[in-house]
Amino acid sequence: MVRVVVITVLLFLILRAIKLLLSGIAEAANPRPRQPAQPPPVKLARDPVCGTHIPPASSLSLTSGGTTHYFCSEACRAKFRKSA
């Protein structure tokens, strides 16, 4: 009885090793496509009123004295206008 159990376990291990070997060969023959490149990082602008960093594309802007300033909210932009 012990002999049958040992032979069964050995056959299971041998078949599993063969399956892993064949799947490794198949994966090497058909490599996965490369992942697309990551988009470039977005440069953030600093809100001069509250100091929040925000992407310029999604912020409010105001040009003052030839310099463009970027704001996180209308309240920050209004506060800047009052002080300038």
C-alpha atoms as a PDB file:
ATOM      1  CA  MET A   1       0.000   0.000   0.000  1.00  0.00           C
ATOM      2  CA  VAL A   2       2.812   2.421   0.871  1.00  0.00           C
ATOM      3  CA  ARG A   3       4.482   1.538  -2.402  1.00  0.00           C
ATOM      4  CA  VAL A   4       1.388   2.590  -4.396  1.00  0.00           C
ATOM      5  CA  VAL A   5       1.200   5.935  -2.576  1.00  0.00           C
ATOM      6  CA  VAL A   6       4.905   6.652  -3.168  1.00  0.00           C
ATOM      7  CA  ILE A   7       4.647   5.781  -6.861  1.00  0.00           C
ATOM      8  CA  THR A   8       1.524   7.959  -7.232  1.00  0.00           C
ATOM      9  CA  VAL A   9       3.250  10.939  -5.591  1.00  0.00           C
ATOM     10  CA  LEU A  10       6.341  10.489  -7.775  1.00  0.00           C
ATOM     11  CA  LEU A  11       4.232  10.290 -10.936  1.00  0.00           C
ATOM     12  CA  PHE A  12       2.362  13.437  -9.889  1.00  0.00           C
ATOM     13  CA  LEU A  13       5.622  15.324  -9.313  1.00  0.00           C
ATOM     14  CA  ILE A  14       7.122  14.131 -12.607  1.00  0.00           C
ATOM     15  CA  LEU A  15       3.999  15.124 -14.573  1.00  0.00           C
ATOM     16  CA  ARG A  16       3.915  18.526 -12.869  1.00  0.00           C
ATOM     17  CA  ALA A  17       7.588  19.127 -13.733  1.00  0.00           C
ATOM     18  CA  ILE A  18       6.929  18.211 -17.370  1.00  0.00           C
ATOM     19  CA  LYS A  19       3.921  20.569 -17.474  1.00  0.00           C
ATOM     20  CA  LEU A  20       5.988  23.459 -16.070  1.00  0.00           C
ATOM     21  CA  LEU A  21       8.782  22.757 -18.537  1.00  0.00           C
ATOM     22  CA  LEU A  22       6.404  22.741 -21.502  1.00  0.00           C
ATOM     23  CA  SER A  23       4.638  25.920 -20.378  1.00  0.00           C
ATOM     24  CA  GLY A  24       8.031  27.634 -20.032  1.00  0.00           C
ATOM     25  CA  ILE A  25       8.979  26.592 -23.546  1.00  0.00           C
ATOM     26  CA  ALA A  26       5.620  27.814 -24.907  1.00  0.00           C
ATOM     27  CA  GLU A  27       6.002  31.171 -23.139  1.00  0.00           C
ATOM     28  CA  ALA A  28       9.508  31.628 -24.521  1.00  0.00           C
ATOM     29  CA  ALA A  29       8.262  30.877 -28.034  1.00  0.00           C
ATOM     30  CA  ASN A  30       5.470  33.465 -27.747  1.00  0.00           C
ATOM     31  CA  PRO A  31       6.787  36.368 -25.668  1.00  0.00           C
ATOM     32  CA  ARG A  32       4.323  38.891 -24.285  1.00  0.00           C
ATOM     33  CA  PRO A  33       4.092  42.204 -26.129  1.00  0.00           C
ATOM     34  CA  ARG A  34       6.021  45.080 -24.584  1.00  0.00           C
ATOM     35  CA  GLN A  35       4.190  47.384 -22.240  1.00  0.00           C
ATOM     36  CA  PRO A  36       3.512  50.849 -23.666  1.00  0.00           C
ATOM     37  CA  ALA A  37       5.855  53.570 -22.501  1.00  0.00           C
ATOM     38  CA  GLN A  38       4.755  55.659 -19.546  1.00  0.00           C
ATOM     39  CA  PRO A  39       3.549  59.163 -20.407  1.00  0.00           C
ATOM     40  CA  PRO A  40       6.025  61.904 -19.582  1.00  0.00           C
ATOM     41  CA  PRO A  41       5.628  63.461 -16.145  1.00  0.00           C
ATOM     42  CA  VAL A  42       3.604  66.660 -15.890  1.00  0.00           C
ATOM     43  CA  LYS A  43       5.408  69.737 -14.612  1.00  0.00           C
ATOM     44  CA  LEU A  44       3.421  71.348 -11.807  1.00  0.00           C
ATOM     45  CA  ALA A  45       2.995  75.056 -11.138  1.00  0.00           C
ATOM     46  CA  ARG A  46       2.827  76.518  -7.626  1.00  0.00           C
ATOM     47  CA  ASP A  47      -0.148  78.642  -6.630  1.00  0.00           C
ATOM     48  CA  PRO A  48       1.402  81.931  -5.369  1.00  0.00           C
ATOM     49  CA  VAL A  49      -1.368  82.447  -2.788  1.00  0.00           C
ATOM     50  CA  CYS A  50      -1.808  79.109  -1.004  1.00  0.00           C
ATOM     51  CA  GLY A  51       1.249  77.198  -2.283  1.00  0.00           C
ATOM     52  CA  THR A  52      -0.682  74.298  -3.794  1.00  0.00           C
ATOM     53  CA  HIS A  53       1.040  72.547  -6.708  1.00  0.00           C
ATOM     54  CA  ILE A  54      -1.258  72.102  -9.700  1.00  0.00           C
ATOM     55  CA  PRO A  55      -0.933  71.055 -13.355  1.00  0.00           C
ATOM     56  CA  PRO A  56      -1.085  74.214 -15.514  1.00  0.00           C
ATOM     57  CA  ALA A  57      -3.499  72.611 -17.972  1.00  0.00           C
ATOM     58  CA  SER A  58      -6.212  72.222 -15.317  1.00  0.00           C
ATOM     59  CA  SER A  59      -5.634  75.438 -13.371  1.00  0.00           C
ATOM     60  CA  LEU A  60      -6.849  79.017 -13.535  1.00  0.00           C
ATOM     61  CA  SER A  61      -4.287  81.473 -14.838  1.00  0.00           C
ATOM     62  CA  LEU A  62      -3.649  85.174 -14.704  1.00  0.00           C
ATOM     63  CA  THR A  63      -0.964  87.122 -16.544  1.00  0.00           C
ATOM     64  CA  SER A  64       0.446  89.972 -14.516  1.00  0.00           C
ATOM     65  CA  GLY A  65       3.520  91.991 -15.437  1.00  0.00           C
ATOM     66  CA  GLY A  66       4.412  89.654 -18.289  1.00  0.00           C
ATOM     67  CA  THR A  67       4.392  86.603 -15.989  1.00  0.00           C
ATOM     68  CA  THR A  68       1.679  83.976 -16.013  1.00  0.00           C
ATOM     69  CA  HIS A  69       0.564  82.803 -12.577  1.00  0.00           C
ATOM     70  CA  TYR A  70      -1.459  79.618 -12.020  1.00  0.00           C
ATOM     71  CA  PHE A  71      -4.115  79.241  -9.322  1.00  0.00           C
ATOM     72  CA  CYS A  72      -5.920  76.282  -7.787  1.00  0.00           C
ATOM     73  CA  SER A  73      -9.216  78.135  -7.301  1.00  0.00           C
ATOM     74  CA  GLU A  74     -11.077  81.313  -8.121  1.00  0.00           C
ATOM     75  CA  ALA A  75     -10.695  82.432  -4.490  1.00  0.00           C
ATOM     76  CA  CYS A  76      -6.882  82.306  -4.737  1.00  0.00           C
ATOM     77  CA  ARG A  77      -6.946  84.175  -8.040  1.00  0.00           C
ATOM     78  CA  ALA A  78      -9.217  86.882  -6.581  1.00  0.00           C
ATOM     79  CA  LYS A  79      -7.007  87.229  -3.502  1.00  0.00           C
ATOM     80  CA  PHE A  80      -3.963  87.632  -5.789  1.00  0.00           C
ATOM     81  CA  ARG A  81      -5.757  90.295  -7.874  1.00  0.00           C
ATOM     82  CA  LYS A  82      -6.557  92.287  -4.721  1.00  0.00           C
ATOM     83  CA  SER A  83      -2.952  92.229  -3.525  1.00  0.00           C
ATOM     84  CA  ALA A  84      -1.409  93.017  -6.928  1.00  0.00           C
END
